[in-house]
Amino acid sequence: MGKCMWQRRLARTLVIVGFPFVTGVITRGLQPASSSAISSEQRPLSATVWATIAVTNSGTELVLLWRGRPGWYMKAGPRAEHASGNSESYSVSLEYPGARLAMFYDRRRREATVGRKVQLLPAEANTIFVDQVDDPGGPTIVGFTTLRLLPTMTNASLADAFSHSPAAVAFLQCDEPWNAMSSFTDIAKVVCGQLRVQR
């Protein structure tokens, strides 16, 4: 098949009590187990942060933490989430009312392109902080960290993994005033309510 790969997409629905249904997409390249097949998952982490988690048989390949205003990814209207990859690259596109996002990742060079900016990931880093995703000026890469995540992790397992990275915890904005707003009470508990570190 050369560089061509068969792909399949599995629609996945995350059900969170008191929280609107959020549909994610898992994309898997159908390759031999020893290859660099990549799969990804979309899921909410806090009222301001949405995550794209991409993994291979070897572990976490890339994590994108997309941050905007509280509830930016919950607005009513058409939405689409897509991720695909092969041995050389990985790409993600998210479209929500008021936000259109795209990221291209060169897996060999470890270069991520968000908007017009190309950024080389620091050694050992696998997580990119992308801020201002719903800003007219476009999203901005504001930092990096390392997280050990797996697909379909429980919220408790995600919280435990995040607890090892103070930078990732801070990016979730768990202590912002929106936590007291009744409309975000349940989403605030998804990961923030189970963190083991001081915020």
N, C-alpha and C. Protein backbone atom coordinates (compact mmCIF):
# COMPACT_ATOMS: atom_id res chain seq x y z
N MET A 1 0.81 -1.21 0.00
CA MET A 1 0.00 0.00 0.00
C MET A 1 0.84 1.26 0.00
N GLY A 2 2.16 1.14 0.13
CA GLY A 2 3.02 2.32 0.16
C GLY A 2 2.67 3.18 1.35
N LYS A 3 2.55 4.48 1.08
CA LYS A 3 2.23 5.40 2.17
C LYS A 3 0.74 5.50 2.42
N CYS A 4 -0.05 4.84 1.57
CA CYS A 4 -1.50 4.91 1.75
C CYS A 4 -1.90 4.05 2.94
N MET A 5 -2.87 4.51 3.67
CA MET A 5 -3.35 3.77 4.83
C MET A 5 -4.86 3.76 4.83
N TRP A 6 -5.40 2.63 5.23
CA TRP A 6 -6.83 2.60 5.45
C TRP A 6 -7.11 3.29 6.77
N GLN A 7 -8.22 4.00 6.82
CA GLN A 7 -8.58 4.65 8.07
C GLN A 7 -10.04 4.40 8.37
N ARG A 8 -10.37 4.41 9.62
CA ARG A 8 -11.77 4.34 9.99
C ARG A 8 -12.01 5.34 11.09
N ARG A 9 -13.19 5.84 11.15
CA ARG A 9 -13.54 6.80 12.18
C ARG A 9 -14.65 6.24 13.02
N LEU A 10 -14.50 6.32 14.31
CA LEU A 10 -15.52 5.83 15.22
C LEU A 10 -16.11 7.00 15.99
N ALA A 11 -17.39 7.22 15.82
CA ALA A 11 -18.03 8.29 16.58
C ALA A 11 -18.14 7.86 18.03
N ARG A 12 -17.89 8.76 18.94
CA ARG A 12 -17.91 8.45 20.36
C ARG A 12 -18.62 9.55 21.10
N THR A 13 -19.52 9.19 22.00
CA THR A 13 -20.26 10.18 22.76
C THR A 13 -19.87 10.10 24.22
N LEU A 14 -19.48 11.23 24.78
CA LEU A 14 -19.15 11.29 26.19
C LEU A 14 -20.36 11.81 26.94
N VAL A 15 -20.80 11.07 27.94
CA VAL A 15 -21.97 11.49 28.70
C VAL A 15 -21.52 11.91 30.08
N ILE A 16 -21.76 13.15 30.41
CA ILE A 16 -21.38 13.70 31.70
C ILE A 16 -22.65 14.21 32.36
N VAL A 17 -22.93 13.77 33.55
CA VAL A 17 -24.15 14.17 34.24
C VAL A 17 -24.21 15.69 34.35
N GLY A 18 -25.32 16.25 33.92
CA GLY A 18 -25.50 17.69 34.02
C GLY A 18 -24.77 18.47 32.95
N PHE A 19 -24.21 17.78 31.95
CA PHE A 19 -23.42 18.44 30.92
C PHE A 19 -23.94 18.02 29.55
N PRO A 20 -24.00 18.92 28.58
CA PRO A 20 -24.50 18.56 27.26
C PRO A 20 -23.70 17.42 26.65
N PHE A 21 -24.35 16.65 25.77
CA PHE A 21 -23.64 15.59 25.07
C PHE A 21 -22.52 16.19 24.23
N VAL A 22 -21.37 15.60 24.30
CA VAL A 22 -20.23 16.05 23.51
C VAL A 22 -19.76 14.88 22.66
N THR A 23 -19.76 15.06 21.38
CA THR A 23 -19.36 13.98 20.49
C THR A 23 -17.91 14.15 20.08
N GLY A 24 -17.14 13.10 20.24
CA GLY A 24 -15.75 13.13 19.82
C GLY A 24 -15.54 12.19 18.65
N VAL A 25 -14.37 12.22 18.08
CA VAL A 25 -14.04 11.33 16.97
C VAL A 25 -12.73 10.63 17.27
N ILE A 26 -12.74 9.34 17.14
CA ILE A 26 -11.51 8.57 17.28
C ILE A 26 -11.11 8.12 15.89
N THR A 27 -9.91 8.45 15.45
CA THR A 27 -9.44 8.07 14.13
C THR A 27 -8.26 7.13 14.27
N ARG A 28 -8.36 5.98 13.64
CA ARG A 28 -7.25 5.02 13.74
C ARG A 28 -6.74 4.68 12.35
N GLY A 29 -5.41 4.70 12.20
CA GLY A 29 -4.83 4.19 10.96
C GLY A 29 -4.70 2.68 11.11
N LEU A 30 -5.24 1.92 10.17
CA LEU A 30 -5.20 0.47 10.28
C LEU A 30 -3.86 -0.03 9.74
N GLN A 31 -2.93 -0.24 10.63
CA GLN A 31 -1.59 -0.67 10.27
C GLN A 31 -1.19 -1.83 11.17
N PRO A 32 -0.10 -2.52 10.87
CA PRO A 32 0.39 -3.58 11.75
C PRO A 32 0.68 -3.04 13.15
N ALA A 33 0.58 -3.91 14.14
CA ALA A 33 0.75 -3.49 15.52
C ALA A 33 2.11 -2.85 15.78
N SER A 34 3.12 -3.21 15.02
CA SER A 34 4.46 -2.69 15.24
C SER A 34 4.68 -1.33 14.58
N SER A 35 3.69 -0.83 13.86
CA SER A 35 3.85 0.42 13.13
C SER A 35 3.59 1.62 14.02
N SER A 36 3.58 2.80 13.39
CA SER A 36 3.35 4.03 14.14
C SER A 36 1.91 4.51 13.98
N ALA A 37 0.98 3.58 13.93
CA ALA A 37 -0.44 3.94 13.81
C ALA A 37 -0.81 4.89 14.93
N ILE A 38 -1.65 5.85 14.60
CA ILE A 38 -2.02 6.87 15.59
C ILE A 38 -3.54 6.93 15.70
N SER A 39 -4.03 7.10 16.92
CA SER A 39 -5.46 7.25 17.15
C SER A 39 -5.66 8.47 18.03
N SER A 40 -6.83 9.07 17.93
CA SER A 40 -7.05 10.29 18.71
C SER A 40 -8.45 10.37 19.27
N GLU A 41 -8.58 11.18 20.29
CA GLU A 41 -9.84 11.34 21.00
C GLU A 41 -10.04 12.81 21.35
N GLN A 42 -11.27 13.27 21.28
CA GLN A 42 -11.62 14.64 21.66
C GLN A 42 -12.47 14.59 22.93
N ARG A 43 -12.16 15.47 23.90
CA ARG A 43 -12.98 15.47 25.11
C ARG A 43 -12.81 16.76 25.90
N PRO A 44 -13.81 17.15 26.69
CA PRO A 44 -13.72 18.36 27.52
C PRO A 44 -12.92 18.08 28.79
N LEU A 45 -12.21 19.09 29.28
CA LEU A 45 -11.46 18.95 30.53
C LEU A 45 -11.91 19.95 31.58
N SER A 46 -12.26 21.14 31.15
CA SER A 46 -12.77 22.17 32.07
C SER A 46 -13.69 23.07 31.26
N ALA A 47 -14.24 24.08 31.89
CA ALA A 47 -15.16 24.98 31.18
C ALA A 47 -14.45 25.78 30.10
N THR A 48 -13.12 25.88 30.19
CA THR A 48 -12.38 26.65 29.19
C THR A 48 -11.49 25.81 28.29
N VAL A 49 -11.27 24.55 28.63
CA VAL A 49 -10.29 23.73 27.90
C VAL A 49 -10.91 22.47 27.30
N TRP A 50 -10.65 22.30 26.02
CA TRP A 50 -11.01 21.10 25.26
C TRP A 50 -9.72 20.41 24.87
N ALA A 51 -9.71 19.08 24.90
CA ALA A 51 -8.47 18.35 24.62
C ALA A 51 -8.57 17.47 23.39
N THR A 52 -7.48 17.42 22.64
CA THR A 52 -7.28 16.44 21.59
C THR A 52 -6.12 15.57 22.05
N ILE A 53 -6.36 14.27 22.20
CA ILE A 53 -5.35 13.35 22.71
C ILE A 53 -5.01 12.34 21.62
N ALA A 54 -3.77 12.32 21.17
CA ALA A 54 -3.33 11.39 20.12
C ALA A 54 -2.31 10.42 20.69
N VAL A 55 -2.55 9.13 20.49
CA VAL A 55 -1.65 8.11 21.04
C VAL A 55 -1.28 7.08 19.98
N THR A 56 -0.16 6.39 20.23
CA THR A 56 0.28 5.28 19.40
C THR A 56 0.44 4.07 20.31
N ASN A 57 0.90 2.96 19.75
CA ASN A 57 1.15 1.78 20.57
C ASN A 57 2.23 2.03 21.61
N SER A 58 3.06 3.03 21.36
CA SER A 58 4.17 3.34 22.28
C SER A 58 3.75 4.29 23.40
N GLY A 59 2.59 4.89 23.29
CA GLY A 59 2.15 5.84 24.33
C GLY A 59 1.65 7.14 23.74
N THR A 60 1.71 8.20 24.54
CA THR A 60 1.20 9.50 24.11
C THR A 60 2.07 10.11 23.03
N GLU A 61 1.45 10.44 21.91
CA GLU A 61 2.18 11.09 20.82
C GLU A 61 2.06 12.61 20.94
N LEU A 62 0.84 13.09 21.12
CA LEU A 62 0.62 14.53 21.15
C LEU A 62 -0.69 14.83 21.88
N VAL A 63 -0.66 15.90 22.69
CA VAL A 63 -1.86 16.38 23.36
C VAL A 63 -2.01 17.86 23.04
N LEU A 64 -3.18 18.24 22.58
CA LEU A 64 -3.48 19.65 22.33
C LEU A 64 -4.53 20.10 23.32
N LEU A 65 -4.19 21.13 24.08
CA LEU A 65 -5.15 21.70 25.03
C LEU A 65 -5.60 23.04 24.46
N TRP A 66 -6.84 23.07 23.97
CA TRP A 66 -7.40 24.26 23.34
C TRP A 66 -8.17 25.06 24.38
N ARG A 67 -7.78 26.30 24.62
CA ARG A 67 -8.44 27.11 25.66
C ARG A 67 -9.06 28.38 25.09
N GLY A 68 -10.29 28.64 25.54
CA GLY A 68 -10.98 29.87 25.15
C GLY A 68 -11.80 30.39 26.31
N ARG A 69 -12.80 31.18 26.00
CA ARG A 69 -13.68 31.69 27.05
C ARG A 69 -14.52 30.55 27.61
N PRO A 70 -14.99 30.68 28.86
CA PRO A 70 -15.82 29.62 29.45
C PRO A 70 -16.98 29.23 28.53
N GLY A 71 -17.08 27.94 28.26
CA GLY A 71 -18.17 27.43 27.44
C GLY A 71 -18.02 27.62 25.94
N TRP A 72 -16.84 27.99 25.48
CA TRP A 72 -16.65 28.28 24.05
C TRP A 72 -17.01 27.10 23.15
N TYR A 73 -16.77 25.88 23.60
CA TYR A 73 -17.05 24.70 22.77
C TYR A 73 -18.45 24.13 23.01
N MET A 74 -19.25 24.79 23.85
CA MET A 74 -20.58 24.31 24.20
C MET A 74 -21.70 25.06 23.49
N LYS A 75 -21.36 26.04 22.68
CA LYS A 75 -22.38 26.86 22.04
C LYS A 75 -23.24 26.03 21.09
N ALA A 76 -24.52 26.37 21.03
CA ALA A 76 -25.45 25.66 20.15
C ALA A 76 -25.14 25.96 18.69
N GLY A 77 -25.28 24.95 17.86
CA GLY A 77 -25.04 25.14 16.43
C GLY A 77 -24.23 24.00 15.86
N PRO A 78 -23.97 24.03 14.56
CA PRO A 78 -23.22 22.97 13.89
C PRO A 78 -21.80 22.84 14.46
N ARG A 79 -21.33 21.62 14.55
CA ARG A 79 -19.98 21.38 15.03
C ARG A 79 -19.39 20.19 14.29
N ALA A 80 -18.09 20.21 14.13
CA ALA A 80 -17.41 19.10 13.45
C ALA A 80 -16.03 18.92 14.05
N GLU A 81 -15.62 17.66 14.20
CA GLU A 81 -14.32 17.32 14.74
C GLU A 81 -13.70 16.25 13.86
N HIS A 82 -12.48 16.45 13.45
CA HIS A 82 -11.83 15.50 12.56
C HIS A 82 -10.35 15.39 12.91
N ALA A 83 -9.84 14.18 12.87
CA ALA A 83 -8.41 13.96 13.09
C ALA A 83 -7.96 12.82 12.19
N SER A 84 -6.78 12.93 11.62
CA SER A 84 -6.24 11.86 10.78
C SER A 84 -4.73 11.89 10.84
N GLY A 85 -4.12 10.78 10.52
CA GLY A 85 -2.66 10.74 10.55
C GLY A 85 -2.09 9.54 9.84
N ASN A 86 -0.78 9.61 9.58
CA ASN A 86 -0.05 8.48 9.01
C ASN A 86 1.33 8.48 9.66
N SER A 87 2.27 7.75 9.09
CA SER A 87 3.59 7.65 9.71
C SER A 87 4.38 8.95 9.70
N GLU A 88 3.97 9.91 8.88
CA GLU A 88 4.71 11.16 8.76
C GLU A 88 4.04 12.37 9.39
N SER A 89 2.72 12.36 9.43
CA SER A 89 2.02 13.56 9.90
C SER A 89 0.73 13.23 10.63
N TYR A 90 0.19 14.24 11.29
CA TYR A 90 -1.06 14.12 12.02
C TYR A 90 -1.74 15.48 11.95
N SER A 91 -3.03 15.49 11.70
CA SER A 91 -3.75 16.76 11.60
C SER A 91 -5.08 16.71 12.33
N VAL A 92 -5.50 17.87 12.81
CA VAL A 92 -6.75 18.00 13.55
C VAL A 92 -7.48 19.24 13.06
N SER A 93 -8.80 19.13 12.93
CA SER A 93 -9.60 20.31 12.65
C SER A 93 -10.85 20.27 13.52
N LEU A 94 -11.17 21.40 14.13
CA LEU A 94 -12.34 21.53 15.00
C LEU A 94 -13.13 22.74 14.53
N GLU A 95 -14.44 22.56 14.39
CA GLU A 95 -15.30 23.68 13.99
C GLU A 95 -16.50 23.73 14.93
N TYR A 96 -16.57 24.81 15.69
CA TYR A 96 -17.68 25.07 16.59
C TYR A 96 -18.20 26.47 16.30
N PRO A 97 -19.42 26.78 16.70
CA PRO A 97 -19.92 28.15 16.49
C PRO A 97 -18.95 29.16 17.11
N GLY A 98 -18.40 30.02 16.30
CA GLY A 98 -17.48 31.04 16.79
C GLY A 98 -16.03 30.63 16.84
N ALA A 99 -15.72 29.40 16.46
CA ALA A 99 -14.32 28.95 16.52
C ALA A 99 -14.03 27.92 15.43
N ARG A 100 -12.99 28.19 14.64
CA ARG A 100 -12.51 27.24 13.64
C ARG A 100 -11.03 27.03 13.89
N LEU A 101 -10.67 25.80 14.20
CA LEU A 101 -9.29 25.52 14.61
C LEU A 101 -8.69 24.42 13.74
N ALA A 102 -7.39 24.53 13.52
CA ALA A 102 -6.69 23.51 12.76
C ALA A 102 -5.25 23.41 13.25
N MET A 103 -4.72 22.20 13.24
CA MET A 103 -3.34 21.96 13.62
C MET A 103 -2.77 20.89 12.72
N PHE A 104 -1.56 21.13 12.22
CA PHE A 104 -0.84 20.12 11.44
C PHE A 104 0.45 19.80 12.17
N TYR A 105 0.73 18.52 12.33
CA TYR A 105 1.92 18.09 13.08
C TYR A 105 2.79 17.20 12.21
N ASP A 106 4.05 17.61 12.05
CA ASP A 106 5.05 16.81 11.35
C ASP A 106 5.66 15.86 12.38
N ARG A 107 5.32 14.60 12.31
CA ARG A 107 5.73 13.65 13.33
C ARG A 107 7.23 13.40 13.33
N ARG A 108 7.88 13.54 12.19
CA ARG A 108 9.32 13.29 12.11
C ARG A 108 10.13 14.47 12.63
N ARG A 109 9.70 15.66 12.27
CA ARG A 109 10.41 16.86 12.72
C ARG A 109 9.92 17.37 14.07
N ARG A 110 8.79 16.84 14.53
CA ARG A 110 8.15 17.31 15.77
C ARG A 110 7.81 18.81 15.68
N GLU A 111 7.25 19.17 14.56
CA GLU A 111 6.84 20.56 14.33
C GLU A 111 5.32 20.64 14.26
N ALA A 112 4.75 21.58 15.03
CA ALA A 112 3.32 21.79 15.03
C ALA A 112 2.99 23.14 14.39
N THR A 113 2.01 23.14 13.52
CA THR A 113 1.58 24.38 12.88
C THR A 113 0.16 24.69 13.34
N VAL A 114 0.00 25.81 14.03
CA VAL A 114 -1.32 26.28 14.48
C VAL A 114 -1.48 27.68 13.93
N GLY A 115 -2.51 27.88 13.11
CA GLY A 115 -2.65 29.17 12.45
C GLY A 115 -1.49 29.35 11.49
N ARG A 116 -0.80 30.46 11.60
CA ARG A 116 0.34 30.72 10.73
C ARG A 116 1.68 30.45 11.42
N LYS A 117 1.61 29.98 12.65
CA LYS A 117 2.85 29.77 13.40
C LYS A 117 3.28 28.31 13.39
N VAL A 118 4.55 28.10 13.07
CA VAL A 118 5.16 26.77 13.12
C VAL A 118 6.05 26.71 14.35
N GLN A 119 5.83 25.71 15.18
CA GLN A 119 6.56 25.63 16.44
C GLN A 119 7.17 24.24 16.62
N LEU A 120 8.47 24.19 16.88
CA LEU A 120 9.15 22.94 17.17
C LEU A 120 8.92 22.59 18.64
N LEU A 121 8.45 21.39 18.92
CA LEU A 121 8.23 21.00 20.30
C LEU A 121 9.56 20.81 21.02
N PRO A 122 9.68 21.31 22.25
CA PRO A 122 10.90 21.09 23.03
C PRO A 122 11.12 19.60 23.26
N ALA A 123 12.35 19.23 23.54
CA ALA A 123 12.67 17.83 23.82
C ALA A 123 11.81 17.31 24.95
N GLU A 124 11.29 16.13 24.79
CA GLU A 124 10.46 15.43 25.77
C GLU A 124 9.03 15.95 25.86
N ALA A 125 8.76 17.17 25.43
CA ALA A 125 7.40 17.71 25.51
C ALA A 125 6.49 17.02 24.50
N ASN A 126 5.25 16.77 24.92
CA ASN A 126 4.28 16.18 24.00
C ASN A 126 2.92 16.88 24.08
N THR A 127 2.86 17.96 24.85
CA THR A 127 1.60 18.66 25.07
C THR A 127 1.75 20.13 24.71
N ILE A 128 0.80 20.63 23.93
CA ILE A 128 0.83 22.02 23.48
C ILE A 128 -0.34 22.79 24.08
N PHE A 129 -0.05 23.94 24.70
CA PHE A 129 -1.08 24.83 25.22
C PHE A 129 -1.45 25.82 24.12
N VAL A 130 -2.69 25.78 23.67
CA VAL A 130 -3.16 26.71 22.63
C VAL A 130 -4.23 27.59 23.25
N ASP A 131 -3.97 28.88 23.33
CA ASP A 131 -4.88 29.81 24.00
C ASP A 131 -5.60 30.70 22.99
N GLN A 132 -6.64 31.39 23.48
CA GLN A 132 -7.41 32.37 22.69
C GLN A 132 -8.01 31.74 21.43
N VAL A 133 -8.53 30.53 21.57
CA VAL A 133 -9.05 29.82 20.39
C VAL A 133 -10.30 30.47 19.80
N ASP A 134 -11.04 31.22 20.62
CA ASP A 134 -12.24 31.88 20.11
C ASP A 134 -12.04 33.38 19.96
N ASP A 135 -10.79 33.80 19.88
CA ASP A 135 -10.46 35.21 19.72
C ASP A 135 -10.38 35.54 18.23
N PRO A 136 -10.86 36.71 17.81
CA PRO A 136 -10.78 37.09 16.39
C PRO A 136 -9.36 37.06 15.84
N GLY A 137 -8.37 37.29 16.71
CA GLY A 137 -6.98 37.26 16.26
C GLY A 137 -6.43 35.87 16.03
N GLY A 138 -7.22 34.88 16.40
CA GLY A 138 -6.80 33.50 16.17
C GLY A 138 -6.09 32.87 17.35
N PRO A 139 -5.94 31.56 17.35
CA PRO A 139 -5.29 30.84 18.45
C PRO A 139 -3.79 31.11 18.51
N THR A 140 -3.25 30.97 19.72
CA THR A 140 -1.83 31.22 19.94
C THR A 140 -1.23 30.11 20.80
N ILE A 141 -0.09 29.57 20.39
CA ILE A 141 0.63 28.60 21.21
C ILE A 141 1.32 29.36 22.34
N VAL A 142 1.01 28.99 23.58
CA VAL A 142 1.57 29.73 24.71
C VAL A 142 2.47 28.89 25.62
N GLY A 143 2.62 27.61 25.33
CA GLY A 143 3.50 26.81 26.18
C GLY A 143 3.43 25.33 25.88
N PHE A 144 4.25 24.57 26.63
CA PHE A 144 4.36 23.13 26.43
C PHE A 144 4.53 22.44 27.77
N THR A 145 4.20 21.16 27.81
CA THR A 145 4.49 20.34 28.97
C THR A 145 4.49 18.89 28.51
N THR A 146 4.60 17.97 29.46
CA THR A 146 4.56 16.55 29.15
C THR A 146 3.47 15.88 29.96
N LEU A 147 2.59 15.16 29.29
CA LEU A 147 1.52 14.42 29.96
C LEU A 147 1.53 12.98 29.45
N ARG A 148 1.26 12.05 30.35
CA ARG A 148 1.17 10.64 29.97
C ARG A 148 -0.30 10.26 29.97
N LEU A 149 -0.92 10.31 28.81
CA LEU A 149 -2.34 10.04 28.69
C LEU A 149 -2.60 8.86 27.78
N LEU A 150 -3.75 8.25 27.96
CA LEU A 150 -4.18 7.12 27.15
C LEU A 150 -5.58 7.41 26.63
N PRO A 151 -5.99 6.74 25.56
CA PRO A 151 -7.35 6.98 25.07
C PRO A 151 -8.39 6.44 26.04
N THR A 152 -9.56 7.03 26.01
CA THR A 152 -10.71 6.63 26.84
C THR A 152 -10.37 6.54 28.33
N MET A 153 -9.53 7.42 28.82
CA MET A 153 -9.23 7.45 30.25
C MET A 153 -10.44 7.97 31.01
N THR A 154 -10.62 7.50 32.23
CA THR A 154 -11.68 8.04 33.08
C THR A 154 -11.28 9.45 33.50
N ASN A 155 -12.24 10.24 33.98
CA ASN A 155 -11.92 11.58 34.45
C ASN A 155 -10.95 11.54 35.63
N ALA A 156 -11.10 10.54 36.49
CA ALA A 156 -10.20 10.41 37.63
C ALA A 156 -8.77 10.13 37.17
N SER A 157 -8.61 9.29 36.15
CA SER A 157 -7.29 8.98 35.63
C SER A 157 -6.67 10.20 34.95
N LEU A 158 -7.50 10.96 34.24
CA LEU A 158 -7.01 12.20 33.63
C LEU A 158 -6.53 13.17 34.70
N ALA A 159 -7.32 13.31 35.76
CA ALA A 159 -6.94 14.22 36.84
C ALA A 159 -5.62 13.79 37.46
N ASP A 160 -5.43 12.50 37.63
CA ASP A 160 -4.18 12.00 38.20
C ASP A 160 -3.00 12.33 37.28
N ALA A 161 -3.17 12.15 35.97
CA ALA A 161 -2.10 12.45 35.02
C ALA A 161 -1.79 13.95 35.01
N PHE A 162 -2.81 14.78 35.05
CA PHE A 162 -2.61 16.22 35.05
C PHE A 162 -1.93 16.68 36.33
N SER A 163 -2.17 15.98 37.42
CA SER A 163 -1.60 16.38 38.71
C SER A 163 -0.08 16.34 38.72
N HIS A 164 0.52 15.66 37.74
CA HIS A 164 1.98 15.60 37.65
C HIS A 164 2.56 16.79 36.89
N SER A 165 1.70 17.66 36.37
CA SER A 165 2.19 18.82 35.62
C SER A 165 1.51 20.09 36.13
N PRO A 166 2.17 20.85 37.00
CA PRO A 166 1.60 22.10 37.50
C PRO A 166 1.22 23.06 36.37
N ALA A 167 2.00 23.05 35.27
CA ALA A 167 1.70 23.94 34.16
C ALA A 167 0.37 23.56 33.52
N ALA A 168 0.11 22.26 33.37
CA ALA A 168 -1.16 21.81 32.79
C ALA A 168 -2.33 22.13 33.71
N VAL A 169 -2.12 21.96 35.01
CA VAL A 169 -3.17 22.28 35.98
C VAL A 169 -3.52 23.75 35.90
N ALA A 170 -2.51 24.60 35.85
CA ALA A 170 -2.75 26.05 35.77
C ALA A 170 -3.50 26.40 34.49
N PHE A 171 -3.19 25.70 33.40
CA PHE A 171 -3.83 26.01 32.12
C PHE A 171 -5.32 25.72 32.15
N LEU A 172 -5.75 24.78 32.98
CA LEU A 172 -7.17 24.44 33.07
C LEU A 172 -8.02 25.56 33.68
N GLN A 173 -7.38 26.49 34.38
CA GLN A 173 -8.07 27.62 35.01
C GLN A 173 -9.14 27.17 36.01
N CYS A 174 -8.81 26.19 36.79
CA CYS A 174 -9.77 25.64 37.75
C CYS A 174 -10.20 26.64 38.82
N ASP A 175 -9.38 27.62 39.13
CA ASP A 175 -9.69 28.57 40.21
C ASP A 175 -10.30 29.87 39.72
N GLU A 176 -10.63 29.95 38.44
CA GLU A 176 -11.21 31.19 37.92
C GLU A 176 -12.63 31.38 38.45
N PRO A 177 -13.12 32.62 38.48
CA PRO A 177 -14.44 32.92 39.03
C PRO A 177 -15.60 32.14 38.41
N TRP A 178 -15.42 31.67 37.14
CA TRP A 178 -16.53 30.94 36.52
C TRP A 178 -16.89 29.68 37.27
N ASN A 179 -15.99 29.18 38.12
CA ASN A 179 -16.30 27.97 38.88
C ASN A 179 -17.54 28.14 39.74
N ALA A 180 -17.82 29.37 40.15
CA ALA A 180 -18.96 29.62 41.02
C ALA A 180 -20.27 29.79 40.24
N MET A 181 -20.17 29.85 38.91
CA MET A 181 -21.35 30.03 38.09
C MET A 181 -22.09 28.69 37.95
N SER A 182 -23.37 28.69 38.23
CA SER A 182 -24.14 27.44 38.23
C SER A 182 -24.09 26.71 36.89
N SER A 183 -24.00 27.45 35.78
CA SER A 183 -24.00 26.82 34.47
C SER A 183 -22.75 26.00 34.21
N PHE A 184 -21.68 26.20 35.00
CA PHE A 184 -20.44 25.46 34.80
C PHE A 184 -20.09 24.56 35.99
N THR A 185 -21.04 24.40 36.90
CA THR A 185 -20.77 23.60 38.09
C THR A 185 -20.34 22.18 37.74
N ASP A 186 -21.06 21.53 36.84
CA ASP A 186 -20.76 20.14 36.52
C ASP A 186 -19.50 19.98 35.67
N ILE A 187 -19.31 20.86 34.70
CA ILE A 187 -18.12 20.75 33.87
C ILE A 187 -16.87 21.05 34.69
N ALA A 188 -16.99 21.88 35.71
CA ALA A 188 -15.84 22.18 36.56
C ALA A 188 -15.37 20.95 37.32
N LYS A 189 -16.27 19.98 37.51
CA LYS A 189 -15.92 18.78 38.26
C LYS A 189 -15.29 17.69 37.40
N VAL A 190 -15.32 17.85 36.07
CA VAL A 190 -14.85 16.80 35.18
C VAL A 190 -13.43 16.37 35.53
N VAL A 191 -12.51 17.31 35.59
CA VAL A 191 -11.14 17.01 35.98
C VAL A 191 -10.73 17.87 37.17
N CYS A 192 -11.10 19.13 37.16
CA CYS A 192 -10.69 20.06 38.22
C CYS A 192 -11.05 19.55 39.61
N GLY A 193 -12.21 18.96 39.76
CA GLY A 193 -12.65 18.52 41.08
C GLY A 193 -11.92 17.31 41.61
N GLN A 194 -11.07 16.70 40.77
CA GLN A 194 -10.37 15.49 41.19
C GLN A 194 -8.84 15.63 41.18
N LEU A 195 -8.35 16.85 40.99
CA LEU A 195 -6.91 17.06 40.98
C LEU A 195 -6.32 16.84 42.36
N ARG A 196 -5.09 16.32 42.41
CA ARG A 196 -4.44 16.03 43.68
C ARG A 196 -3.44 17.08 44.10
N VAL A 197 -3.25 18.13 43.30
CA VAL A 197 -2.24 19.14 43.62
C VAL A 197 -2.90 20.43 44.03
N GLN A 198 -2.14 21.26 44.73
CA GLN A 198 -2.63 22.58 45.10
C GLN A 198 -2.66 23.46 43.86
N ARG A 199 -3.74 24.19 43.65
CA ARG A 199 -3.86 25.05 42.49
C ARG A 199 -3.64 26.49 42.86
